[in-house]
Protein backbone atom coordinates (compact mmCIF):
# COMPACT_ATOMS: atom_id res chain seq x y z
CA MET A 1 150.60 -105.85 83.19
CA LYS A 2 148.97 -104.27 80.16
CA LYS A 3 151.12 -103.64 77.09
CA ILE A 4 150.86 -100.50 74.99
CA ALA A 5 152.50 -99.71 71.66
CA LEU A 6 153.23 -96.05 71.02
CA THR A 7 153.62 -95.03 67.40
CA GLY A 8 154.33 -91.84 65.49
CA GLY A 9 157.35 -90.31 63.85
CA GLY A 10 158.94 -88.32 61.08
CA THR A 11 159.37 -85.14 63.12
CA ALA A 12 159.68 -84.37 66.82
CA GLY A 13 156.08 -83.13 66.74
CA HIS A 14 154.97 -86.74 66.22
CA ILE A 15 157.31 -88.07 68.91
CA THR A 16 157.51 -85.73 71.90
CA PRO A 17 153.82 -86.11 72.92
CA ASN A 18 154.42 -89.87 73.14
CA LEU A 19 157.43 -89.22 75.34
CA ALA A 20 155.35 -86.97 77.57
CA LEU A 21 153.02 -89.89 78.31
CA ILE A 22 155.71 -92.45 79.16
CA PRO A 23 156.33 -91.56 82.86
CA GLU A 24 152.59 -91.62 83.67
CA LEU A 25 152.02 -94.85 81.70
CA LYS A 26 154.86 -96.52 83.61
CA LYS A 27 153.41 -95.23 86.87
CA ARG A 28 150.11 -96.89 85.94
CA GLY A 29 151.86 -100.19 85.31
CA PHE A 30 151.96 -100.30 81.51
CA ASP A 31 154.63 -102.23 79.64
CA ILE A 32 155.62 -99.96 76.74
CA ILE A 33 157.04 -100.56 73.28
CA TYR A 34 157.55 -98.06 70.45
CA ILE A 35 156.86 -98.82 66.78
CA GLY A 36 158.35 -96.40 64.30
CA SER A 37 160.29 -95.99 61.10
CA SER A 38 163.45 -98.09 60.91
CA ASN A 39 165.45 -95.01 59.92
CA GLY A 40 163.51 -92.28 61.73
CA MET A 41 164.59 -90.04 64.62
CA GLU A 42 162.07 -91.85 66.85
CA LYS A 43 164.39 -94.89 67.01
CA GLU A 44 167.20 -93.01 68.73
CA ILE A 45 164.82 -91.06 70.98
CA ALA A 46 162.97 -94.18 72.19
CA GLU A 47 166.14 -96.18 72.78
CA ARG A 48 167.67 -93.27 74.71
CA ARG A 49 164.77 -93.68 77.15
CA ASN A 50 165.17 -97.47 77.31
CA ILE A 51 161.89 -98.10 75.49
CA PRO A 52 162.04 -101.26 73.30
CA PHE A 53 161.89 -100.07 69.69
CA PHE A 54 160.58 -101.96 66.67
CA GLY A 55 161.18 -100.56 63.20
CA ILE A 56 158.87 -101.01 60.23
CA THR A 57 158.88 -99.96 56.59
CA ALA A 58 157.10 -96.64 56.22
CA ASP A 59 156.43 -94.24 53.38
CA LYS A 60 154.51 -91.01 52.87
CA LEU A 61 152.45 -89.48 50.10
CA ARG A 62 154.49 -86.62 48.69
CA ARG A 63 152.49 -83.51 47.80
CA TYR A 64 154.47 -83.05 44.60
CA ILE A 65 155.26 -85.16 41.54
CA ASP A 66 157.81 -87.79 42.54
CA VAL A 67 158.47 -91.26 41.20
CA LYS A 68 158.75 -92.45 44.82
CA ASN A 69 154.97 -92.09 45.13
CA LEU A 70 154.67 -95.13 42.87
CA LEU A 71 156.40 -97.25 45.54
CA MET A 72 154.33 -95.88 48.41
CA PRO A 73 151.44 -98.42 48.30
CA ALA A 74 153.85 -101.40 48.30
CA ASN A 75 155.81 -99.91 51.21
CA VAL A 76 152.63 -99.31 53.23
CA ILE A 77 151.51 -102.91 52.67
CA LYS A 78 154.93 -104.16 53.75
CA GLY A 79 154.72 -101.94 56.85
CA ILE A 80 151.29 -103.37 57.72
CA ARG A 81 152.66 -106.92 57.57
CA GLU A 82 155.63 -106.00 59.75
CA ALA A 83 153.43 -104.15 62.26
CA THR A 84 150.99 -107.08 62.43
CA LYS A 85 153.82 -109.44 63.32
CA ILE A 86 155.18 -107.08 66.00
CA LEU A 87 151.76 -106.58 67.60
CA LYS A 88 151.06 -110.31 67.68
CA GLU A 89 154.47 -111.31 69.06
CA ASN A 90 154.37 -108.64 71.76
CA LYS A 91 150.71 -109.29 72.68
CA VAL A 92 149.87 -105.59 72.59
CA ASP A 93 146.62 -104.57 74.35
CA VAL A 94 146.21 -100.99 73.13
CA ILE A 95 147.78 -98.54 70.64
CA PHE A 96 148.41 -94.83 71.07
CA SER A 97 149.07 -93.20 67.70
CA LYS A 98 150.51 -89.71 67.50
CA GLY A 99 150.21 -89.63 63.72
CA GLY A 100 152.66 -89.15 60.90
CA PHE A 101 153.10 -91.51 57.97
CA VAL A 102 154.71 -94.25 60.07
CA ALA A 103 151.59 -94.60 62.22
CA VAL A 104 149.29 -95.56 59.33
CA PRO A 105 150.50 -99.19 58.90
CA VAL A 106 150.43 -99.69 62.68
CA VAL A 107 146.84 -98.43 63.01
CA ILE A 108 145.67 -100.56 60.07
CA ALA A 109 147.41 -103.63 61.53
CA ALA A 110 145.89 -102.98 64.96
CA ALA A 111 142.40 -102.64 63.49
CA SER A 112 142.78 -105.96 61.67
CA LEU A 113 143.75 -107.59 64.98
CA ARG A 114 140.93 -105.80 66.85
CA ILE A 115 143.38 -104.01 69.12
CA PRO A 116 141.86 -100.69 70.29
CA VAL A 117 143.52 -97.58 68.90
CA ILE A 118 143.56 -94.12 70.45
CA SER A 119 144.83 -91.48 68.03
CA HIS A 120 145.91 -87.93 68.74
CA GLU A 121 145.39 -85.00 66.37
CA ALA A 122 147.60 -82.08 67.28
CA ASP A 123 146.63 -79.59 64.58
CA PHE A 124 143.52 -77.48 64.12
CA THR A 125 142.39 -79.71 61.24
CA PRO A 126 143.24 -83.42 60.83
CA GLY A 127 146.21 -84.35 58.66
CA LEU A 128 146.17 -87.10 56.04
CA ALA A 129 147.51 -89.78 58.41
CA ASN A 130 144.78 -89.10 60.96
CA LYS A 131 142.10 -88.91 58.29
CA ILE A 132 143.06 -92.52 57.53
CA ALA A 133 143.44 -93.47 61.20
CA ALA A 134 140.26 -91.83 62.56
CA PRO A 135 137.74 -94.38 61.18
CA LEU A 136 139.90 -97.18 62.62
CA SER A 137 140.30 -95.52 66.03
CA LYS A 138 138.10 -95.80 69.09
CA ILE A 139 138.93 -92.22 70.11
CA VAL A 140 140.71 -89.27 68.51
CA CYS A 141 142.19 -86.92 71.13
CA CYS A 142 142.40 -83.26 70.11
CA ASN A 143 144.52 -80.27 71.12
CA PHE A 144 141.93 -77.75 69.92
CA GLU A 145 138.31 -77.74 71.03
CA GLU A 146 137.33 -76.70 67.49
CA THR A 147 138.84 -79.89 66.04
CA VAL A 148 136.38 -82.08 67.96
CA LYS A 149 133.53 -80.79 65.78
CA LEU A 150 135.33 -82.05 62.67
CA LEU A 151 135.65 -85.59 64.03
CA GLY A 152 132.13 -86.33 65.18
CA LYS A 153 131.54 -88.69 68.09
CA LYS A 154 135.12 -89.98 68.13
CA GLY A 155 136.64 -86.60 68.86
CA VAL A 156 137.56 -85.81 72.48
CA PHE A 157 139.14 -82.57 73.66
CA THR A 158 142.05 -83.63 75.84
CA GLY A 159 144.63 -80.89 75.31
CA CYS A 160 148.28 -81.36 74.42
CA PRO A 161 150.59 -83.64 76.45
CA ILE A 162 153.55 -81.56 77.63
CA ARG A 163 156.79 -83.13 78.78
CA LYS A 164 157.11 -82.49 82.53
CA GLU A 165 160.85 -81.90 82.30
CA LEU A 166 160.20 -78.96 79.97
CA LEU A 167 158.30 -77.22 82.76
CA SER A 168 161.03 -77.65 85.36
CA GLY A 169 163.78 -75.50 83.85
CA ASN A 170 166.11 -73.38 85.99
CA LYS A 171 166.50 -69.78 84.80
CA LYS A 172 169.84 -69.28 86.55
CA LYS A 173 171.30 -72.42 84.97
CA GLY A 174 170.02 -71.32 81.57
CA ILE A 175 171.69 -67.92 81.87
CA GLU A 176 174.95 -69.55 83.05
CA PHE A 177 174.86 -72.05 80.16
CA LEU A 178 174.41 -69.28 77.57
CA SER A 179 176.96 -66.97 79.26
CA PHE A 180 176.03 -63.84 77.34
CA GLU A 181 178.33 -60.94 78.26
CA GLU A 182 175.73 -58.18 77.96
CA LYS A 183 172.47 -58.33 79.91
CA LYS A 184 169.68 -57.99 77.36
CA PRO A 185 166.35 -59.79 76.93
CA ILE A 186 166.83 -63.27 75.47
CA LEU A 187 165.11 -64.08 72.18
CA PHE A 188 164.82 -67.80 71.44
CA VAL A 189 164.51 -68.69 67.75
CA THR A 190 163.44 -72.15 66.61
CA GLY A 191 162.19 -73.73 63.41
CA GLY A 192 161.26 -77.03 65.01
CA SER A 193 163.30 -80.21 65.28
CA LEU A 194 164.31 -80.11 61.59
CA GLY A 195 164.97 -76.39 61.54
CA SER A 196 163.52 -73.80 59.17
CA LYS A 197 165.59 -72.31 56.35
CA TYR A 198 163.10 -69.46 56.03
CA ILE A 199 163.33 -68.45 59.69
CA ASN A 200 167.10 -69.06 59.79
CA ASP A 201 167.65 -66.75 56.79
CA LEU A 202 165.22 -64.12 58.10
CA VAL A 203 167.00 -63.89 61.46
CA ARG A 204 170.54 -64.09 60.09
CA ASN A 205 169.89 -61.48 57.39
CA ASN A 206 168.71 -59.08 60.11
CA ILE A 207 170.94 -60.25 62.93
CA LYS A 208 172.87 -57.05 63.66
CA GLU A 209 169.66 -55.05 63.99
CA ILE A 210 168.07 -57.68 66.25
CA LEU A 211 171.18 -57.81 68.45
CA LYS A 212 170.75 -54.13 69.31
CA ASN A 213 167.87 -55.12 71.60
CA PHE A 214 168.28 -58.86 72.25
CA ASN A 215 170.63 -61.72 72.94
CA ILE A 216 169.69 -64.51 70.53
CA VAL A 217 169.56 -68.26 71.12
CA HIS A 218 169.07 -69.97 67.77
CA SER A 219 168.07 -73.63 67.44
CA CYS A 220 168.62 -73.88 63.70
CA GLY A 221 168.37 -77.62 62.87
CA LYS A 222 170.80 -80.38 61.98
CA GLY A 223 173.35 -79.28 59.37
CA LYS A 224 172.08 -75.68 59.44
CA LEU A 225 174.72 -73.97 61.56
CA ASP A 226 176.32 -70.90 59.98
CA LYS A 227 179.97 -70.95 61.06
CA ASN A 228 180.59 -67.60 59.37
CA ILE A 229 178.60 -65.80 62.06
CA ASN A 230 180.63 -65.03 65.15
CA LEU A 231 178.87 -62.21 66.98
CA GLU A 232 178.60 -61.47 70.68
CA GLY A 233 175.05 -62.07 71.83
CA TYR A 234 174.31 -64.81 69.28
CA LYS A 235 174.49 -68.50 70.20
CA GLN A 236 173.43 -71.13 67.67
CA PHE A 237 172.80 -74.85 68.14
CA GLU A 238 171.73 -77.63 65.79
CA LEU A 239 169.35 -79.06 68.37
CA LEU A 240 168.90 -78.45 72.08
CA THR A 241 168.06 -81.44 74.27
CA THR A 242 168.87 -81.62 77.98
CA GLU A 243 169.62 -77.86 78.11
CA LEU A 244 166.28 -76.88 76.59
CA PRO A 245 164.22 -76.56 79.82
CA ASP A 246 166.81 -74.24 81.37
CA ILE A 247 167.09 -72.17 78.20
CA PHE A 248 163.31 -71.81 78.00
CA ALA A 249 163.31 -70.69 81.65
CA ALA A 250 165.84 -67.98 80.76
CA THR A 251 164.02 -66.91 77.58
CA ASP A 252 161.91 -63.76 77.40
CA LEU A 253 160.45 -63.98 73.89
CA VAL A 254 160.27 -66.63 71.17
CA ILE A 255 160.19 -66.74 67.37
CA SER A 256 158.90 -70.08 66.12
CA ARG A 257 157.10 -72.05 63.48
CA ALA A 258 153.49 -72.87 64.40
CA GLY A 259 153.50 -76.64 64.78
CA ALA A 260 150.83 -77.59 67.28
CA ASN A 261 153.10 -79.15 69.87
CA VAL A 262 155.56 -76.28 70.05
CA ILE A 263 152.85 -73.62 70.37
CA PHE A 264 151.15 -75.49 73.20
CA GLU A 265 154.55 -75.86 74.88
CA LEU A 266 155.02 -72.08 74.59
CA LEU A 267 151.58 -71.59 76.11
CA ALA A 268 152.36 -73.95 79.00
CA LEU A 269 155.68 -72.15 79.55
CA LYS A 270 154.01 -68.71 79.32
CA LYS A 271 156.36 -67.42 76.62
CA PRO A 272 155.05 -64.57 74.43
CA ASN A 273 155.87 -65.43 70.84
CA LEU A 274 156.00 -64.44 67.20
CA LEU A 275 154.77 -67.32 65.03
CA ILE A 276 155.88 -67.69 61.41
CA PRO A 277 153.80 -70.61 60.12
CA LEU A 278 154.76 -72.76 57.16
CA SER A 279 153.19 -71.34 54.01
CA THR A 280 150.67 -73.18 51.87
CA LYS A 281 153.43 -73.59 49.28
CA ALA A 282 155.15 -76.09 51.59
CA SER A 283 152.22 -77.52 53.59
CA ARG A 284 148.48 -78.03 53.71
CA GLY A 285 148.15 -74.81 55.70
CA ASP A 286 147.66 -76.41 59.12
CA GLN A 287 150.25 -74.19 60.80
CA ILE A 288 148.46 -71.06 59.59
CA LEU A 289 145.24 -72.28 61.21
CA ASN A 290 147.12 -73.13 64.42
CA ALA A 291 148.75 -69.69 64.48
CA ASN A 292 145.50 -67.83 63.78
CA SER A 293 143.79 -69.69 66.64
CA PHE A 294 146.52 -68.57 69.06
CA MET A 295 146.50 -65.02 67.68
CA LYS A 296 142.73 -64.75 68.31
CA LYS A 297 143.28 -65.85 71.91
CA ASN A 298 146.02 -63.20 72.29
CA TYR A 299 148.77 -65.76 72.91
CA SER A 300 150.80 -64.94 69.78
CA VAL A 301 151.74 -62.42 67.12
CA VAL A 302 151.64 -63.91 63.61
CA LEU A 303 153.78 -63.16 60.54
CA LEU A 304 152.88 -64.88 57.27
CA GLU A 305 155.71 -65.68 54.87
CA GLU A 306 153.74 -64.27 51.93
CA ASP A 307 153.28 -60.93 53.71
CA GLN A 308 156.94 -60.77 54.73
CA ASP A 309 158.08 -61.49 51.17
CA LYS A 310 156.01 -58.55 49.93
CA ASN A 311 157.17 -56.21 52.70
CA PRO A 312 160.67 -56.89 54.15
CA GLU A 313 160.10 -54.31 56.91
CA LEU A 314 157.16 -56.27 58.30
CA PHE A 315 159.39 -58.58 60.37
CA PHE A 316 160.62 -55.71 62.53
CA LYS A 317 157.13 -54.29 62.82
CA LYS A 318 155.92 -57.65 64.16
CA LEU A 319 158.94 -57.99 66.47
CA ARG A 320 158.21 -54.55 67.93
CA GLU A 321 154.57 -55.55 68.35
CA LEU A 322 155.72 -58.62 70.26
CA GLU A 323 157.89 -56.47 72.55
CA ASN A 324 155.11 -53.94 73.14
CA ARG A 325 152.40 -56.52 73.81
CA LYS A 326 154.40 -59.09 75.78
CA ASP A 327 152.77 -58.26 79.11
CA GLU A 328 149.30 -58.33 77.58
CA MET A 329 150.05 -61.72 75.99
CA LEU A 330 151.52 -63.06 79.21
CA ASN A 331 148.36 -62.12 81.10
CA ALA A 332 146.22 -63.89 78.49
CA MET A 333 148.37 -67.00 78.83
CA LYS A 334 148.09 -66.92 82.61
CA THR A 335 144.30 -66.94 82.40
CA SER A 336 144.22 -69.67 79.73
CA THR A 337 142.00 -72.67 80.37
CA GLU A 338 144.04 -74.88 78.02
CA ILE A 339 144.91 -78.17 79.71
CA ASN A 340 147.87 -80.51 79.86
CA ALA A 341 146.57 -83.76 78.42
CA ILE A 342 148.70 -86.40 80.15
CA ASN A 343 146.16 -87.59 82.72
CA ASN A 344 143.23 -87.20 80.33
CA ILE A 345 144.85 -89.36 77.67
CA CYS A 346 146.16 -91.96 80.11
CA ASP A 347 142.67 -92.33 81.57
CA LEU A 348 141.31 -93.06 78.08
CA ILE A 349 144.14 -95.52 77.40
CA GLU A 350 143.47 -97.38 80.66
CA LYS A 351 139.79 -97.63 79.86
CA GLU A 352 140.41 -99.07 76.37
CA ALA A 353 143.09 -101.48 77.63
CA LEU A 354 140.70 -103.24 80.01
């Protein structure tokens, strides 16, 4: 039995693609362990699925002045030592790295032990972690065909691994779970696993107007519930887990950030959407590139934070555009040639594990 170590963490975007691969890897006879941050959300998620979890010290480079950046090199070195010990003791044959700061020590340790690494880049352009990991990887799997050109010979277009359970939701169960009194289209609002203050505030500040046309399901992030809002047609949750497939099945339209994994999930689920990507003030601009790619393919409507801040009425203009173009977007999604990556990636993993 071949042993694989999955790594990646920090946000659900660096974890859920790993989870999507687990059933197929088990089916192919792989023994699986997960290496992540000792205090990251990946620990609980892996253990919930009975995957042996090993925690290491991990740190990230902050894109702002912070004294913690001075400790980062020492923490990365410590993480490499810990990862090396874990890989040796568990006799790991191959690594699949989904990226994020926690993956860097694991990839470096694997390279030093000559264990083959397959990395996955979800975004349109590689992030810092994958810029470090790419030279040490045998293959870098990509969600976007355009990304392959940026990675040279190592880049392979595989598509995005989508959790199978997400595609098997029951619309009737979703409607019963939400139990809205009035029958209106359902608008699902999400800011990702950590939530988005910007999107939360935008929706809540305009909630009465939105409720005229929609019932709203709001996944707002841990600690971001607003208990002062008690309106019919508005249901808010910190994080949706087992109910999520059914809620997606019941959903008509979506407002979301533009993280690569969530937008490919929306494409797989055929959900017309309004994307509000993270601004360049808070990121390297990868979500804007992701969103623009989907807008060009007619899968999404895009609203930039900077434009909304200049023109508060723009949000409703974009929401109306989403309503008016939903059938057109749905048709584009139905004819999409984008692929679910599970078999593609598992084939590459099997080949490297030989």
